[in-house]
N, C-alpha and C. Protein backbone atom coordinates (compact mmCIF):
# COMPACT_ATOMS: atom_id res chain seq x y z
N MET A 1 134.61 103.46 121.11
CA MET A 1 134.65 104.60 120.23
C MET A 1 133.22 105.06 119.93
N THR A 2 133.02 106.34 119.95
CA THR A 2 131.71 106.91 119.66
C THR A 2 131.49 106.99 118.16
N LYS A 3 130.35 106.50 117.73
CA LYS A 3 129.99 106.54 116.32
C LYS A 3 129.29 107.87 116.05
N ARG A 4 129.81 108.63 115.08
CA ARG A 4 129.22 109.92 114.72
C ARG A 4 128.31 109.73 113.52
N ILE A 5 127.08 110.24 113.63
CA ILE A 5 126.09 110.09 112.57
C ILE A 5 125.54 111.47 112.21
N PHE A 6 125.66 111.81 110.94
CA PHE A 6 125.09 113.05 110.44
C PHE A 6 123.59 112.84 110.24
N VAL A 7 122.78 113.78 110.70
CA VAL A 7 121.33 113.66 110.57
C VAL A 7 120.80 114.78 109.67
N SER A 8 120.14 114.37 108.61
CA SER A 8 119.50 115.31 107.70
C SER A 8 118.02 115.37 108.03
N HIS A 9 117.54 116.55 108.39
CA HIS A 9 116.11 116.73 108.68
C HIS A 9 115.78 118.21 108.51
N ASN A 10 114.51 118.52 108.46
CA ASN A 10 114.08 119.90 108.29
C ASN A 10 114.17 120.62 109.65
N PHE A 11 115.33 121.19 109.91
CA PHE A 11 115.57 121.82 111.21
C PHE A 11 114.83 123.14 111.36
N THR A 12 114.28 123.67 110.27
CA THR A 12 113.54 124.94 110.38
C THR A 12 112.08 124.73 110.75
N ASP A 13 111.60 123.49 110.67
CA ASP A 13 110.22 123.17 111.06
C ASP A 13 110.26 122.75 112.53
N ARG A 14 109.72 123.57 113.40
CA ARG A 14 109.81 123.35 114.84
C ARG A 14 109.27 121.98 115.26
N ARG A 15 108.12 121.59 114.72
CA ARG A 15 107.51 120.30 115.08
C ARG A 15 108.43 119.14 114.68
N VAL A 16 108.94 119.19 113.48
CA VAL A 16 109.86 118.15 113.00
C VAL A 16 111.11 118.13 113.85
N ASN A 17 111.69 119.30 114.07
CA ASN A 17 112.93 119.38 114.84
C ASN A 17 112.75 118.81 116.25
N GLU A 18 111.64 119.11 116.90
CA GLU A 18 111.40 118.58 118.25
C GLU A 18 111.30 117.06 118.24
N GLN A 19 110.57 116.50 117.28
CA GLN A 19 110.43 115.05 117.20
C GLN A 19 111.78 114.39 116.96
N VAL A 20 112.55 114.95 116.03
CA VAL A 20 113.85 114.38 115.69
C VAL A 20 114.80 114.47 116.88
N MET A 21 114.89 115.62 117.50
CA MET A 21 115.84 115.80 118.60
C MET A 21 115.49 114.93 119.80
N THR A 22 114.21 114.71 120.06
CA THR A 22 113.80 113.82 121.15
C THR A 22 114.24 112.39 120.88
N MET A 23 114.00 111.91 119.66
CA MET A 23 114.40 110.55 119.30
C MET A 23 115.91 110.40 119.37
N LEU A 24 116.64 111.36 118.83
CA LEU A 24 118.10 111.27 118.82
C LEU A 24 118.66 111.28 120.24
N SER A 25 118.08 112.07 121.09
CA SER A 25 118.52 112.12 122.49
C SER A 25 118.33 110.76 123.16
N ASP A 26 117.22 110.11 122.89
CA ASP A 26 116.96 108.79 123.46
C ASP A 26 117.97 107.77 122.97
N ILE A 27 118.33 107.84 121.69
CA ILE A 27 119.30 106.89 121.14
C ILE A 27 120.69 107.19 121.69
N GLU A 28 121.07 108.46 121.74
CA GLU A 28 122.39 108.83 122.27
C GLU A 28 122.59 108.38 123.71
N SER A 29 121.55 108.49 124.51
CA SER A 29 121.69 108.12 125.92
C SER A 29 121.81 106.61 126.11
N ALA A 30 121.35 105.82 125.14
CA ALA A 30 121.40 104.37 125.27
C ALA A 30 122.59 103.73 124.55
N HIS A 31 123.26 104.46 123.68
CA HIS A 31 124.34 103.90 122.87
C HIS A 31 125.49 104.89 122.75
N ALA A 32 126.63 104.38 122.31
CA ALA A 32 127.80 105.23 122.09
C ALA A 32 127.69 105.88 120.71
N VAL A 33 126.73 106.79 120.59
CA VAL A 33 126.44 107.46 119.33
C VAL A 33 126.39 108.96 119.58
N GLN A 34 126.94 109.71 118.64
CA GLN A 34 126.85 111.17 118.68
C GLN A 34 126.23 111.62 117.36
N PHE A 35 125.15 112.36 117.45
CA PHE A 35 124.49 112.86 116.25
C PHE A 35 124.97 114.26 115.94
N VAL A 36 125.17 114.51 114.66
CA VAL A 36 125.64 115.80 114.16
C VAL A 36 124.54 116.34 113.25
N THR A 37 124.12 117.58 113.50
CA THR A 37 123.06 118.17 112.69
C THR A 37 123.43 119.60 112.29
N VAL A 38 122.83 120.05 111.21
CA VAL A 38 122.96 121.44 110.79
C VAL A 38 122.13 122.27 111.77
N GLU A 39 122.70 123.36 112.23
CA GLU A 39 121.99 124.20 113.19
C GLU A 39 121.77 125.62 112.70
N GLU A 40 122.38 125.96 111.55
CA GLU A 40 122.23 127.31 111.03
C GLU A 40 121.88 127.25 109.55
N ASP A 41 120.89 127.99 109.15
CA ASP A 41 120.48 128.04 107.75
C ASP A 41 121.36 129.03 107.00
N VAL A 42 122.26 128.50 106.18
CA VAL A 42 123.14 129.35 105.39
C VAL A 42 122.72 129.36 103.91
N SER A 43 121.56 128.79 103.63
CA SER A 43 121.11 128.68 102.23
C SER A 43 120.89 130.03 101.57
N TYR A 44 120.63 131.06 102.35
CA TYR A 44 120.43 132.39 101.77
C TYR A 44 121.72 132.94 101.16
N ARG A 45 122.86 132.38 101.58
CA ARG A 45 124.15 132.84 101.03
C ARG A 45 124.38 132.26 99.64
N SER A 46 124.35 130.93 99.53
CA SER A 46 124.55 130.29 98.23
C SER A 46 124.59 128.78 98.42
N HIS A 47 124.54 128.07 97.29
CA HIS A 47 124.69 126.62 97.35
C HIS A 47 126.10 126.24 97.82
N THR A 48 127.07 127.09 97.53
CA THR A 48 128.44 126.86 97.99
C THR A 48 128.50 126.88 99.51
N ALA A 49 127.75 127.78 100.12
CA ALA A 49 127.71 127.86 101.59
C ALA A 49 127.10 126.59 102.18
N ILE A 50 126.06 126.07 101.53
CA ILE A 50 125.45 124.81 101.98
C ILE A 50 126.48 123.69 101.87
N ASP A 51 127.16 123.61 100.72
CA ASP A 51 128.17 122.56 100.52
C ASP A 51 129.26 122.62 101.59
N PHE A 52 129.72 123.82 101.89
CA PHE A 52 130.77 123.98 102.89
C PHE A 52 130.28 123.52 104.26
N GLU A 53 129.10 123.97 104.64
CA GLU A 53 128.53 123.61 105.95
C GLU A 53 128.38 122.09 106.07
N VAL A 54 127.82 121.48 105.05
CA VAL A 54 127.59 120.03 105.07
C VAL A 54 128.91 119.27 105.09
N SER A 55 129.85 119.66 104.26
CA SER A 55 131.12 118.93 104.21
C SER A 55 131.88 119.03 105.53
N GLN A 56 131.81 120.19 106.18
CA GLN A 56 132.47 120.35 107.48
C GLN A 56 131.84 119.44 108.54
N LEU A 57 130.52 119.38 108.55
CA LEU A 57 129.83 118.57 109.55
C LEU A 57 129.98 117.07 109.28
N MET A 58 130.03 116.68 108.02
CA MET A 58 130.07 115.27 107.65
C MET A 58 131.46 114.66 107.67
N GLN A 59 132.49 115.48 107.70
CA GLN A 59 133.84 114.97 107.48
C GLN A 59 134.28 113.88 108.45
N ASP A 60 133.85 113.88 109.67
CA ASP A 60 134.26 112.85 110.63
C ASP A 60 133.13 111.90 110.98
N CYS A 61 132.10 111.86 110.16
CA CYS A 61 130.95 110.99 110.45
C CYS A 61 131.15 109.59 109.88
N HIS A 62 130.46 108.64 110.50
CA HIS A 62 130.53 107.24 110.10
C HIS A 62 129.31 106.79 109.31
N ALA A 63 128.24 107.58 109.35
CA ALA A 63 126.99 107.22 108.67
C ALA A 63 126.11 108.47 108.58
N VAL A 64 125.02 108.33 107.80
CA VAL A 64 124.07 109.43 107.62
C VAL A 64 122.65 108.89 107.80
N LEU A 65 121.85 109.66 108.52
CA LEU A 65 120.43 109.36 108.70
C LEU A 65 119.62 110.48 108.05
N PHE A 66 118.76 110.11 107.09
CA PHE A 66 117.85 111.06 106.48
C PHE A 66 116.48 110.87 107.09
N VAL A 67 115.96 111.90 107.76
CA VAL A 67 114.63 111.87 108.35
C VAL A 67 113.71 112.63 107.40
N LEU A 68 112.82 111.89 106.75
CA LEU A 68 111.93 112.48 105.76
C LEU A 68 110.62 112.88 106.44
N ALA A 69 110.24 114.16 106.28
CA ALA A 69 109.06 114.65 106.97
C ALA A 69 108.10 115.38 106.04
N ASP A 70 108.53 115.68 104.86
CA ASP A 70 107.69 116.34 103.88
C ASP A 70 108.26 115.98 102.52
N ASN A 71 107.95 116.71 101.50
CA ASN A 71 108.48 116.36 100.19
C ASN A 71 109.93 116.82 100.09
N PRO A 72 110.88 115.92 100.32
CA PRO A 72 112.29 116.31 100.35
C PRO A 72 112.86 116.64 98.98
N ARG A 73 112.12 116.33 97.93
CA ARG A 73 112.64 116.60 96.59
C ARG A 73 112.75 118.10 96.32
N ASN A 74 112.16 118.90 97.19
CA ASN A 74 112.23 120.35 97.01
C ASN A 74 113.33 120.98 97.85
N SER A 75 114.11 120.20 98.55
CA SER A 75 115.08 120.74 99.48
C SER A 75 116.47 120.84 98.87
N PRO A 76 117.03 122.05 98.77
CA PRO A 76 118.40 122.16 98.28
C PRO A 76 119.39 121.57 99.27
N TRP A 77 119.04 121.59 100.55
CA TRP A 77 119.91 121.00 101.57
C TRP A 77 120.02 119.50 101.36
N LEU A 78 118.89 118.83 101.23
CA LEU A 78 118.88 117.38 101.15
C LEU A 78 119.70 116.88 99.97
N GLU A 79 119.55 117.49 98.83
CA GLU A 79 120.30 117.06 97.66
C GLU A 79 121.80 117.20 97.88
N ARG A 80 122.20 118.26 98.51
CA ARG A 80 123.63 118.46 98.78
C ARG A 80 124.13 117.49 99.86
N GLU A 81 123.32 117.26 100.87
CA GLU A 81 123.70 116.29 101.90
C GLU A 81 123.82 114.89 101.30
N ALA A 82 122.88 114.53 100.44
CA ALA A 82 122.93 113.22 99.77
C ALA A 82 124.18 113.11 98.90
N HIS A 83 124.48 114.16 98.17
CA HIS A 83 125.66 114.18 97.31
C HIS A 83 126.93 113.92 98.13
N HIS A 84 127.09 114.62 99.24
CA HIS A 84 128.28 114.45 100.09
C HIS A 84 128.33 113.05 100.69
N ALA A 85 127.21 112.56 101.16
CA ALA A 85 127.18 111.21 101.76
C ALA A 85 127.57 110.16 100.73
N LEU A 86 127.01 110.27 99.54
CA LEU A 86 127.33 109.30 98.48
C LEU A 86 128.79 109.40 98.06
N ASN A 87 129.31 110.61 97.92
CA ASN A 87 130.72 110.79 97.53
C ASN A 87 131.68 110.24 98.58
N GLN A 88 131.28 110.30 99.85
CA GLN A 88 132.14 109.79 100.92
C GLN A 88 131.92 108.30 101.17
N GLY A 89 130.94 107.72 100.49
CA GLY A 89 130.67 106.29 100.67
C GLY A 89 130.13 105.94 102.04
N LEU A 90 129.42 106.88 102.66
CA LEU A 90 128.88 106.65 104.00
C LEU A 90 127.62 105.79 103.93
N PRO A 91 127.44 104.89 104.89
CA PRO A 91 126.18 104.15 104.96
C PRO A 91 125.03 105.12 105.20
N ILE A 92 123.92 104.87 104.52
CA ILE A 92 122.77 105.78 104.59
C ILE A 92 121.54 105.03 105.09
N THR A 93 120.85 105.63 106.05
CA THR A 93 119.58 105.11 106.55
C THR A 93 118.51 106.15 106.28
N LEU A 94 117.36 105.69 105.78
CA LEU A 94 116.21 106.56 105.55
C LEU A 94 115.10 106.19 106.52
N THR A 95 114.46 107.19 107.08
CA THR A 95 113.29 106.96 107.93
C THR A 95 112.29 108.08 107.70
N GLU A 96 111.04 107.83 108.02
CA GLU A 96 109.99 108.84 107.88
C GLU A 96 109.36 109.09 109.23
N LEU A 97 108.98 110.33 109.47
CA LEU A 97 108.21 110.62 110.66
C LEU A 97 106.84 109.97 110.53
N PRO A 98 106.20 109.64 111.64
CA PRO A 98 104.88 109.02 111.57
C PRO A 98 103.85 109.92 110.89
N ASP A 99 102.88 109.29 110.26
CA ASP A 99 101.77 110.00 109.62
C ASP A 99 102.22 110.94 108.51
N VAL A 100 103.31 110.60 107.85
CA VAL A 100 103.82 111.41 106.75
C VAL A 100 104.00 110.50 105.54
N GLU A 101 103.51 110.96 104.43
CA GLU A 101 103.77 110.25 103.17
C GLU A 101 104.72 111.11 102.37
N THR A 102 105.85 110.54 102.04
CA THR A 102 106.87 111.31 101.36
C THR A 102 107.52 110.47 100.26
N LEU A 103 108.26 111.12 99.42
CA LEU A 103 108.98 110.46 98.36
C LEU A 103 110.45 110.38 98.72
N VAL A 104 111.11 109.31 98.33
CA VAL A 104 112.55 109.22 98.52
C VAL A 104 113.20 110.26 97.62
N PRO A 105 114.16 110.99 98.13
CA PRO A 105 114.84 111.99 97.30
C PRO A 105 115.41 111.35 96.03
N LEU A 106 115.35 112.08 94.94
CA LEU A 106 115.80 111.56 93.66
C LEU A 106 117.23 111.02 93.73
N SER A 107 118.11 111.74 94.39
CA SER A 107 119.51 111.34 94.44
C SER A 107 119.72 110.04 95.23
N LEU A 108 118.74 109.65 96.05
CA LEU A 108 118.88 108.43 96.84
C LEU A 108 117.98 107.30 96.35
N SER A 109 117.18 107.55 95.34
CA SER A 109 116.19 106.56 94.91
C SER A 109 116.80 105.31 94.30
N ASN A 110 117.98 105.41 93.72
CA ASN A 110 118.61 104.24 93.10
C ASN A 110 119.90 103.84 93.78
N THR A 111 119.99 104.12 95.07
CA THR A 111 121.20 103.79 95.81
C THR A 111 120.89 102.77 96.90
N SER A 112 121.93 102.19 97.42
CA SER A 112 121.78 101.21 98.50
C SER A 112 121.62 101.95 99.83
N THR A 113 120.44 101.84 100.41
CA THR A 113 120.18 102.49 101.70
C THR A 113 119.46 101.52 102.62
N ASN A 114 119.58 101.76 103.91
CA ASN A 114 118.78 101.05 104.89
C ASN A 114 117.48 101.82 105.06
N ARG A 115 116.40 101.13 105.33
CA ARG A 115 115.11 101.78 105.61
C ARG A 115 114.70 101.40 107.03
N SER A 116 114.16 102.35 107.74
CA SER A 116 113.71 102.11 109.11
C SER A 116 112.41 102.84 109.36
N SER A 117 111.57 102.22 110.16
CA SER A 117 110.39 102.95 110.61
C SER A 117 110.83 103.91 111.72
N TRP A 118 109.94 104.82 112.07
CA TRP A 118 110.23 105.79 113.13
C TRP A 118 109.97 105.10 114.46
N ASN A 119 110.93 104.27 114.84
CA ASN A 119 110.80 103.42 116.01
C ASN A 119 112.14 103.40 116.73
N LEU A 120 112.13 103.67 118.03
CA LEU A 120 113.37 103.78 118.79
C LEU A 120 114.23 102.52 118.68
N ASN A 121 113.64 101.35 118.89
CA ASN A 121 114.41 100.11 118.85
C ASN A 121 114.98 99.84 117.47
N GLU A 122 114.17 100.03 116.45
CA GLU A 122 114.63 99.76 115.08
C GLU A 122 115.74 100.74 114.66
N LEU A 123 115.54 102.03 114.92
CA LEU A 123 116.56 103.00 114.59
C LEU A 123 117.84 102.75 115.38
N SER A 124 117.71 102.47 116.65
CA SER A 124 118.88 102.19 117.49
C SER A 124 119.66 101.02 116.94
N SER A 125 118.95 99.97 116.58
CA SER A 125 119.60 98.77 116.06
C SER A 125 120.39 99.07 114.78
N LEU A 126 119.79 99.83 113.89
CA LEU A 126 120.46 100.15 112.62
C LEU A 126 121.62 101.13 112.81
N LEU A 127 121.45 102.10 113.67
CA LEU A 127 122.43 103.18 113.76
C LEU A 127 123.57 102.92 114.73
N ALA A 128 123.32 102.17 115.77
CA ALA A 128 124.32 102.01 116.81
C ALA A 128 125.34 100.91 116.49
N HIS A 129 125.07 100.10 115.49
CA HIS A 129 125.98 99.00 115.19
C HIS A 129 126.76 99.22 113.92
């Protein structure tokens, strides 16, 4: 069975998106994992639109990966994604892109999460099992 993992990352930042998609592709090709990501920015519509988009994408997922690349505490997407993941009781993994200093999102700071470095073997080990 393929494990579906929702990935939260700044998809509007081209550099971040390229790094994330390359890593995810490498993990997908080595394991029975399918990554699900937001591909359209609906935030201009409303927070309700973000909630709908996230809930639709997360509904069949087995886990969530948060890729932190900047100050995520300013992201309306991240807070909503965290809210849905926590409400669904999904396992959560946090990782940071290299050379980035960031803060754990407020909604995830006091929750049980896995932490991983931005490393193919470490991420694969945490996410594929």
